[in-house]
C-alpha atoms as a PDB file:
ATOM      1  CA  UNK A   1     126.801  61.298 102.857  1.00  0.00           C
ATOM      2  CA  UNK A   2     129.455  63.705 104.101  1.00  0.00           C
ATOM      3  CA  UNK A   3     130.415  64.710 100.546  1.00  0.00           C
ATOM      4  CA  UNK A   4     126.764  65.194  99.574  1.00  0.00           C
ATOM      5  CA  UNK A   5     126.221  67.497 102.559  1.00  0.00           C
ATOM      6  CA  UNK A   6     129.286  69.571 101.631  1.00  0.00           C
ATOM      7  CA  UNK A   7     128.043  69.904  98.051  1.00  0.00           C
ATOM      8  CA  UNK A   8     124.617  71.024  99.228  1.00  0.00           C
ATOM      9  CA  UNK A   9     126.180  73.580 101.574  1.00  0.00           C
ATOM     10  CA  UNK A  10     128.188  74.999  98.665  1.00  0.00           C
ATOM     11  CA  UNK A  11     125.667  74.722  95.835  1.00  0.00           C
ATOM     12  CA  UNK A  12     122.530  76.116  97.511  1.00  0.00           C
ATOM     13  CA  UNK A  13     124.109  79.463  98.515  1.00  0.00           C
ATOM     14  CA  UNK A  14     125.785  79.705  95.110  1.00  0.00           C
ATOM     15  CA  UNK A  15     122.405  79.315  93.398  1.00  0.00           C
ATOM     16  CA  UNK A  16     120.871  82.049  95.591  1.00  0.00           C
ATOM     17  CA  UNK A  17     123.796  84.387  94.913  1.00  0.00           C
ATOM     18  CA  UNK A  18     123.520  83.754  91.178  1.00  0.00           C
ATOM     19  CA  UNK A  19     119.749  84.409  91.128  1.00  0.00           C
ATOM     20  CA  UNK A  20     120.183  87.540  93.253  1.00  0.00           C
ATOM     21  CA  UNK A  21     122.834  88.788  90.797  1.00  0.00           C
ATOM     22  CA  UNK A  22     120.526  88.156  87.815  1.00  0.00           C
ATOM     23  CA  UNK A  23     117.670  90.074  89.453  1.00  0.00           C
ATOM     24  CA  UNK A  24     119.865  93.026  90.437  1.00  0.00           C
ATOM     25  CA  UNK A  25     121.500  93.387  87.032  1.00  0.00           C
ATOM     26  CA  UNK A  26     118.309  93.022  84.986  1.00  0.00           C
ATOM     27  CA  UNK A  27     117.482  96.551  83.782  1.00  0.00           C
ATOM     28  CA  UNK A  28     114.004  95.535  82.616  1.00  0.00           C
ATOM     29  CA  UNK A  29     112.832  94.892  86.180  1.00  0.00           C
ATOM     30  CA  UNK A  30     111.385  97.738  88.215  1.00  0.00           C
ATOM     31  CA  UNK A  31     110.852  96.639  91.821  1.00  0.00           C
ATOM     32  CA  UNK A  32     108.549  99.596  92.480  1.00  0.00           C
ATOM     33  CA  UNK A  33     106.251  98.782  89.553  1.00  0.00           C
ATOM     34  CA  UNK A  34     102.959  96.996  90.095  1.00  0.00           C
ATOM     35  CA  UNK A  35     100.687  96.081  87.206  1.00  0.00           C
ATOM     36  CA  UNK A  36      97.774  94.667  89.208  1.00  0.00           C
ATOM     37  CA  UNK A  37      94.577  96.163  87.872  1.00  0.00           C
ATOM     38  CA  UNK A  38      91.716  97.125  90.164  1.00  0.00           C
ATOM     39  CA  UNK A  39      88.935  99.661  90.428  1.00  0.00           C
ATOM     40  CA  UNK A  40      89.688 102.978  92.073  1.00  0.00           C
ATOM     41  CA  UNK A  41      88.084 102.782  95.528  1.00  0.00           C
ATOM     42  CA  UNK A  42      85.143 105.026  96.375  1.00  0.00           C
ATOM     43  CA  UNK A  43      86.189 108.154  98.213  1.00  0.00           C
ATOM     44  CA  UNK A  44      85.060 111.597  99.213  1.00  0.00           C
ATOM     45  CA  UNK A  45      87.731 114.103 100.193  1.00  0.00           C
ATOM     46  CA  UNK A  46      88.042 117.865 100.290  1.00  0.00           C
ATOM     47  CA  UNK A  47      90.365 119.551  97.857  1.00  0.00           C
ATOM     48  CA  UNK A  48      93.458 121.229  99.252  1.00  0.00           C
ATOM     49  CA  UNK A  49      91.924 124.694  99.494  1.00  0.00           C
ATOM     50  CA  UNK A  50      88.720 123.377 101.152  1.00  0.00           C
ATOM     51  CA  UNK A  51      86.527 124.837  98.418  1.00  0.00           C
ATOM     52  CA  UNK A  52      84.770 121.590  97.434  1.00  0.00           C
ATOM     53  CA  UNK A  53      84.302 117.930  98.271  1.00  0.00           C
ATOM     54  CA  UNK A  54      85.592 115.599  95.586  1.00  0.00           C
ATOM     55  CA  UNK A  55      84.387 112.061  94.993  1.00  0.00           C
ATOM     56  CA  UNK A  56      85.306 109.353  92.535  1.00  0.00           C
ATOM     57  CA  UNK A  57      82.569 110.639  90.188  1.00  0.00           C
ATOM     58  CA  UNK A  58      84.205 114.080  89.988  1.00  0.00           C
ATOM     59  CA  UNK A  59      87.368 112.765  88.323  1.00  0.00           C
ATOM     60  CA  UNK A  60      86.715 110.947  85.054  1.00  0.00           C
ATOM     61  CA  UNK A  61      88.734 109.668  82.117  1.00  0.00           C
ATOM     62  CA  UNK A  62      92.431 108.932  81.970  1.00  0.00           C
ATOM     63  CA  UNK A  63      94.876 110.569  84.356  1.00  0.00           C
ATOM     64  CA  UNK A  64      97.886 110.157  86.573  1.00  0.00           C
ATOM     65  CA  UNK A  65      97.287 110.179  90.328  1.00  0.00           C
ATOM     66  CA  UNK A  66     100.412 111.301  92.176  1.00  0.00           C
ATOM     67  CA  UNK A  67     100.740 110.814  95.938  1.00  0.00           C
ATOM     68  CA  UNK A  68     102.932 113.553  97.427  1.00  0.00           C
ATOM     69  CA  UNK A  69     103.588 115.511 100.609  1.00  0.00           C
ATOM     70  CA  UNK A  70     105.516 118.600 101.651  1.00  0.00           C
ATOM     71  CA  UNK A  71     107.585 116.485 104.073  1.00  0.00           C
ATOM     72  CA  UNK A  72     108.682 114.137 101.263  1.00  0.00           C
ATOM     73  CA  UNK A  73     112.257 114.757 100.061  1.00  0.00           C
ATOM     74  CA  UNK A  74     111.902 112.552  96.976  1.00  0.00           C
ATOM     75  CA  UNK A  75     108.781 114.499  95.992  1.00  0.00           C
ATOM     76  CA  UNK A  76     110.991 117.560  95.522  1.00  0.00           C
ATOM     77  CA  UNK A  77     113.222 115.561  93.161  1.00  0.00           C
ATOM     78  CA  UNK A  78     110.234 114.200  91.229  1.00  0.00           C
ATOM     79  CA  UNK A  79     108.327 117.499  91.036  1.00  0.00           C
ATOM     80  CA  UNK A  80     110.037 119.077  87.977  1.00  0.00           C
ATOM     81  CA  UNK A  81     109.214 115.957  85.979  1.00  0.00           C
ATOM     82  CA  UNK A  82     105.552 116.237  86.979  1.00  0.00           C
ATOM     83  CA  UNK A  83     105.563 119.908  85.989  1.00  0.00           C
ATOM     84  CA  UNK A  84     106.848 118.956  82.514  1.00  0.00           C
ATOM     85  CA  UNK A  85     104.405 116.061  82.243  1.00  0.00           C
ATOM     86  CA  UNK A  86     101.513 118.384  83.029  1.00  0.00           C
ATOM     87  CA  UNK A  87     102.716 120.896  80.399  1.00  0.00           C
ATOM     88  CA  UNK A  88     102.601 118.155  77.734  1.00  0.00           C
ATOM     89  CA  UNK A  89      98.880 117.701  78.381  1.00  0.00           C
ATOM     90  CA  UNK A  90      98.930 114.658  80.654  1.00  0.00           C
ATOM     91  CA  UNK A  91      96.267 115.234  83.329  1.00  0.00           C
ATOM     92  CA  UNK A  92      97.874 114.934  86.775  1.00  0.00           C
ATOM     93  CA  UNK A  93      95.764 114.733  89.928  1.00  0.00           C
ATOM     94  CA  UNK A  94      97.522 115.183  93.262  1.00  0.00           C
ATOM     95  CA  UNK A  95      96.811 113.229  96.423  1.00  0.00           C
ATOM     96  CA  UNK A  96      98.326 115.190  99.289  1.00  0.00           C
ATOM     97  CA  UNK A  97      99.184 112.460 101.788  1.00  0.00           C
ATOM     98  CA  UNK A  98      99.206 112.875 105.585  1.00  0.00           C
ATOM     99  CA  UNK A  99     100.247 116.488 105.309  1.00  0.00           C
ATOM    100  CA  UNK A 100      99.310 119.724 106.999  1.00  0.00           C
ATOM    101  CA  UNK A 101      97.212 121.781 104.593  1.00  0.00           C
ATOM    102  CA  UNK A 102      99.199 125.000 105.073  1.00  0.00           C
ATOM    103  CA  UNK A 103     102.538 123.204 104.578  1.00  0.00           C
ATOM    104  CA  UNK A 104     101.284 121.755 101.285  1.00  0.00           C
ATOM    105  CA  UNK A 105     100.049 125.141 100.054  1.00  0.00           C
ATOM    106  CA  UNK A 106     103.392 126.806 100.862  1.00  0.00           C
ATOM    107  CA  UNK A 107     105.236 123.912  99.144  1.00  0.00           C
ATOM    108  CA  UNK A 108     103.175 124.351  95.955  1.00  0.00           C
ATOM    109  CA  UNK A 109     103.789 128.100  95.922  1.00  0.00           C
ATOM    110  CA  UNK A 110     107.513 127.437  96.184  1.00  0.00           C
ATOM    111  CA  UNK A 111     107.838 124.627  93.603  1.00  0.00           C
ATOM    112  CA  UNK A 112     104.817 125.163  91.327  1.00  0.00           C
ATOM    113  CA  UNK A 113     101.578 123.268  90.837  1.00  0.00           C
ATOM    114  CA  UNK A 114     101.357 120.563  88.147  1.00  0.00           C
ATOM    115  CA  UNK A 115      98.019 119.253  89.460  1.00  0.00           C
ATOM    116  CA  UNK A 116      94.604 119.845  87.923  1.00  0.00           C
ATOM    117  CA  UNK A 117      93.010 118.924  91.242  1.00  0.00           C
ATOM    118  CA  UNK A 118      94.535 118.171  94.631  1.00  0.00           C
ATOM    119  CA  UNK A 119      92.829 115.825  97.066  1.00  0.00           C
ATOM    120  CA  UNK A 120      93.774 116.389 100.695  1.00  0.00           C
ATOM    121  CA  UNK A 121      94.071 112.999 102.428  1.00  0.00           C
ATOM    122  CA  UNK A 122      95.149 114.145 105.891  1.00  0.00           C
ATOM    123  CA  UNK A 123      94.301 110.861 107.609  1.00  0.00           C
ATOM    124  CA  UNK A 124      95.575 108.740 104.715  1.00  0.00           C
ATOM    125  CA  UNK A 125      92.331 106.794 104.263  1.00  0.00           C
ATOM    126  CA  UNK A 126      92.268 106.864 100.456  1.00  0.00           C
ATOM    127  CA  UNK A 127      95.991 106.197 100.350  1.00  0.00           C
ATOM    128  CA  UNK A 128      95.491 103.172 102.592  1.00  0.00           C
ATOM    129  CA  UNK A 129      92.723 101.886 100.298  1.00  0.00           C
ATOM    130  CA  UNK A 130      95.099 102.303  97.346  1.00  0.00           C
ATOM    131  CA  UNK A 131      97.896 100.390  99.089  1.00  0.00           C
ATOM    132  CA  UNK A 132     100.182 103.398  99.464  1.00  0.00           C
ATOM    133  CA  UNK A 133     103.172 102.809 101.719  1.00  0.00           C
ATOM    134  CA  UNK A 134     104.754 106.255 101.442  1.00  0.00           C
ATOM    135  CA  UNK A 135     105.368 109.131  99.107  1.00  0.00           C
ATOM    136  CA  UNK A 136     105.866 109.575  96.256  1.00  0.00           C
ATOM    137  CA  UNK A 137     103.744 106.962  94.562  1.00  0.00           C
ATOM    138  CA  UNK A 138     102.069 107.286  91.185  1.00  0.00           C
ATOM    139  CA  UNK A 139      99.038 105.537  89.717  1.00  0.00           C
ATOM    140  CA  UNK A 140      97.967 105.397  86.081  1.00  0.00           C
ATOM    141  CA  UNK A 141      94.173 105.446  85.917  1.00  0.00           C
ATOM    142  CA  UNK A 142      92.135 104.495  82.868  1.00  0.00           C
ATOM    143  CA  UNK A 143      88.394 105.209  83.218  1.00  0.00           C
ATOM    144  CA  UNK A 144      88.260 104.512  86.947  1.00  0.00           C
ATOM    145  CA  UNK A 145      90.562 101.489  86.808  1.00  0.00           C
ATOM    146  CA  UNK A 146      94.095 101.525  88.168  1.00  0.00           C
ATOM    147  CA  UNK A 147      96.237  99.953  85.456  1.00  0.00           C
ATOM    148  CA  UNK A 148      99.732 100.657  86.831  1.00  0.00           C
ATOM    149  CA  UNK A 149     101.277 101.769  90.114  1.00  0.00           C
ATOM    150  CA  UNK A 150     104.832 102.882  90.791  1.00  0.00           C
ATOM    151  CA  UNK A 151     106.361 103.304  94.250  1.00  0.00           C
ATOM    152  CA  UNK A 152     109.103 105.896  94.146  1.00  0.00           C
ATOM    153  CA  UNK A 153     110.233 108.777  91.999  1.00  0.00           C
ATOM    154  CA  UNK A 154     108.774 108.989  88.509  1.00  0.00           C
ATOM    155  CA  UNK A 155     111.304 110.267  86.012  1.00  0.00           C
ATOM    156  CA  UNK A 156     111.790 109.973  82.251  1.00  0.00           C
ATOM    157  CA  UNK A 157     113.078 106.403  82.430  1.00  0.00           C
ATOM    158  CA  UNK A 158     110.251 105.181  84.667  1.00  0.00           C
ATOM    159  CA  UNK A 159     107.646 107.027  82.599  1.00  0.00           C
ATOM    160  CA  UNK A 160     108.901 105.525  79.341  1.00  0.00           C
ATOM    161  CA  UNK A 161     109.485 101.988  80.631  1.00  0.00           C
ATOM    162  CA  UNK A 162     106.636 101.508  83.106  1.00  0.00           C
ATOM    163  CA  UNK A 163     103.775 103.783  82.031  1.00  0.00           C
ATOM    164  CA  UNK A 164     104.185 104.459  78.281  1.00  0.00           C
ATOM    165  CA  UNK A 165     103.709 100.847  77.122  1.00  0.00           C
ATOM    166  CA  UNK A 166     100.342 100.767  78.909  1.00  0.00           C
ATOM    167  CA  UNK A 167      99.378 104.237  77.657  1.00  0.00           C
ATOM    168  CA  UNK A 168     100.131 103.193  74.059  1.00  0.00           C
ATOM    169  CA  UNK A 169      98.407  99.835  74.426  1.00  0.00           C
ATOM    170  CA  UNK A 170      95.229 101.383  75.845  1.00  0.00           C
ATOM    171  CA  UNK A 171      95.436 104.502  73.623  1.00  0.00           C
ATOM    172  CA  UNK A 172      95.216 106.825  76.607  1.00  0.00           C
ATOM    173  CA  UNK A 173      95.527 110.617  76.626  1.00  0.00           C
END
């Protein structure tokens, strides 16, 4: 019994360490990626410049919904990629998350605006309904259905590995 207990004490942690190593070294796994599909929740928010109220019916088709804020450091890192993505014709909608309106406007003037439309979610209600835990987060939306969600910075590698297979499969954009 004593030998069996010693083996268990050695083998169980070794198995966990081995599995942890496999997960960490697997380059095909993206911990921030979520492929659960669900309908975009109903919403009605003002746009960033307060000129109109936007609802789910206002935004149709295929697009990328990017959650960002002026207080978000990683959003600054991600922003040039979004600018390039927008220039290639990919429609990008911004969801300004828990941010002061004036801070967001100044931020966009400084770094540029890749967004076709910007929803201002000061209280974070839509973000909460989407399952957002912070910024940046990016959703791929196909005709009102969320088909992919990435928590963290979107860059060329994430775009090609997480979003492009779905875009090609669904013939989006």
